[in-house]
Amino acid sequence: MPYVFTEVNKMLEKVTNVIYPIIMNSLKNPYLIAGAVVLTLLAFAFYWYEWRPTQIKKHCYYVSAELKDNLLPTADLQSPDSFSLSNKSARDNYNSCLNANGL
């Protein structure tokens, strides 16, 4: 076995010998387990209801703005009708992106 792997195994053994008793003693405390479960559930709820929708909305905004810029040149936006059509198209793209991403 090469020298590097032997040293890595020795370091892992030292870390395991230190961390394993700490974890096993912590698992005997039911309040610590309950706290870890509650913390995990809160973290998941924050991700699912706050972080994920914000990132999806941000992504969909950029996608719809990019499609709007690419589909309609700025010269066509001189009349009010083409401007409202452009906004409707961007809004439709945004809503379809939200639906595609589960919002």
Protein backbone atom coordinates (compact mmCIF):
# COMPACT_ATOMS: atom_id res chain seq x y z
CA MET A 1 0.00 0.00 0.00
CA PRO A 2 1.44 3.39 -0.94
CA TYR A 3 2.65 5.72 1.76
CA VAL A 4 -0.01 8.39 1.10
CA PHE A 5 -2.88 5.97 1.64
CA THR A 6 -1.32 4.71 4.86
CA GLU A 7 -1.08 8.25 6.21
CA VAL A 8 -4.65 9.02 5.16
CA ASN A 9 -5.87 5.86 6.89
CA LYS A 10 -4.01 6.82 10.06
CA MET A 11 -5.56 10.30 10.05
CA LEU A 12 -9.04 8.89 9.44
CA GLU A 13 -8.56 6.45 12.30
CA LYS A 14 -7.55 9.29 14.65
CA VAL A 15 -10.52 11.41 13.62
CA THR A 16 -12.87 8.46 13.99
CA ASN A 17 -11.52 7.68 17.45
CA VAL A 18 -12.25 11.25 18.53
CA ILE A 19 -15.60 11.87 16.82
CA TYR A 20 -17.26 8.47 17.25
CA PRO A 21 -17.55 8.61 21.07
CA ILE A 22 -18.89 12.16 20.89
CA ILE A 23 -21.60 11.14 18.43
CA MET A 24 -22.52 7.99 20.32
CA ASN A 25 -22.79 9.84 23.64
CA SER A 26 -24.88 12.54 21.98
CA LEU A 27 -27.32 9.97 20.62
CA LYS A 28 -28.18 8.94 24.17
CA ASN A 29 -29.69 12.37 24.84
CA PRO A 30 -33.28 12.44 23.49
CA TYR A 31 -33.45 16.25 23.60
CA LEU A 32 -30.47 16.50 21.31
CA ILE A 33 -32.06 14.09 18.84
CA ALA A 34 -35.36 15.99 18.95
CA GLY A 35 -33.51 19.27 18.47
CA ALA A 36 -31.64 17.89 15.47
CA VAL A 37 -34.89 16.65 13.92
CA VAL A 38 -36.64 19.99 14.49
CA LEU A 39 -33.65 21.89 13.10
CA THR A 40 -33.60 19.65 10.03
CA LEU A 41 -37.34 20.16 9.46
CA LEU A 42 -36.99 23.93 9.82
CA ALA A 43 -34.08 24.00 7.39
CA PHE A 44 -36.06 21.97 4.86
CA ALA A 45 -39.14 24.20 5.28
CA PHE A 46 -37.01 27.33 4.77
CA TYR A 47 -35.48 25.85 1.64
CA TRP A 48 -38.80 24.67 0.20
CA TYR A 49 -40.95 27.72 0.97
CA GLU A 50 -38.45 30.60 0.88
CA TRP A 51 -35.18 29.88 -0.91
CA ARG A 52 -36.42 27.66 -3.76
CA PRO A 53 -39.32 29.91 -4.89
CA THR A 54 -37.10 32.99 -4.78
CA GLN A 55 -34.47 31.34 -6.96
CA ILE A 56 -37.10 30.08 -9.41
CA LYS A 57 -38.70 33.53 -9.68
CA LYS A 58 -35.29 35.12 -10.24
CA HIS A 59 -34.45 32.58 -12.94
CA CYS A 60 -37.82 33.01 -14.67
CA TYR A 61 -37.49 36.79 -14.62
CA TYR A 62 -34.13 36.62 -16.39
CA VAL A 63 -35.40 34.04 -18.89
CA SER A 64 -38.49 36.08 -19.77
CA ALA A 65 -36.47 39.30 -20.05
CA GLU A 66 -33.95 37.59 -22.31
CA LEU A 67 -36.70 36.14 -24.51
CA LYS A 68 -38.39 39.53 -24.68
CA ASP A 69 -35.15 41.20 -25.76
CA ASN A 70 -34.39 38.52 -28.34
CA LEU A 71 -37.87 38.20 -29.83
CA LEU A 72 -38.81 41.85 -30.22
CA PRO A 73 -36.22 44.32 -31.44
CA THR A 74 -36.26 47.75 -29.84
CA ALA A 75 -37.33 49.40 -33.12
CA ASP A 76 -40.70 47.63 -32.90
CA LEU A 77 -41.42 49.13 -29.47
CA GLN A 78 -42.14 52.62 -30.82
CA SER A 79 -45.90 52.13 -30.91
CA PRO A 80 -47.93 51.56 -27.71
CA ASP A 81 -49.56 48.44 -29.19
CA SER A 82 -46.26 46.68 -29.76
CA PHE A 83 -45.12 47.68 -26.27
CA SER A 84 -48.19 46.11 -24.64
CA LEU A 85 -47.74 43.02 -26.82
CA SER A 86 -44.13 42.82 -25.66
CA ASN A 87 -45.17 43.06 -22.00
CA LYS A 88 -47.89 40.44 -22.47
CA SER A 89 -45.40 38.11 -24.15
CA ALA A 90 -42.90 38.59 -21.32
CA ARG A 91 -45.62 38.01 -18.71
CA ASP A 92 -46.76 34.84 -20.50
CA ASN A 93 -43.17 33.57 -20.70
CA TYR A 94 -42.66 34.33 -17.02
CA ASN A 95 -45.85 32.51 -15.99
CA SER A 96 -45.07 29.49 -18.16
CA CYS A 97 -41.57 29.33 -16.66
CA LEU A 98 -43.05 29.44 -13.16
CA ASN A 99 -45.47 26.63 -14.04
CA ALA A 100 -42.69 24.56 -15.61
CA ASN A 101 -40.63 24.90 -12.42
CA GLY A 102 -43.46 23.97 -10.09
CA LEU A 103 -44.72 27.32 -8.80
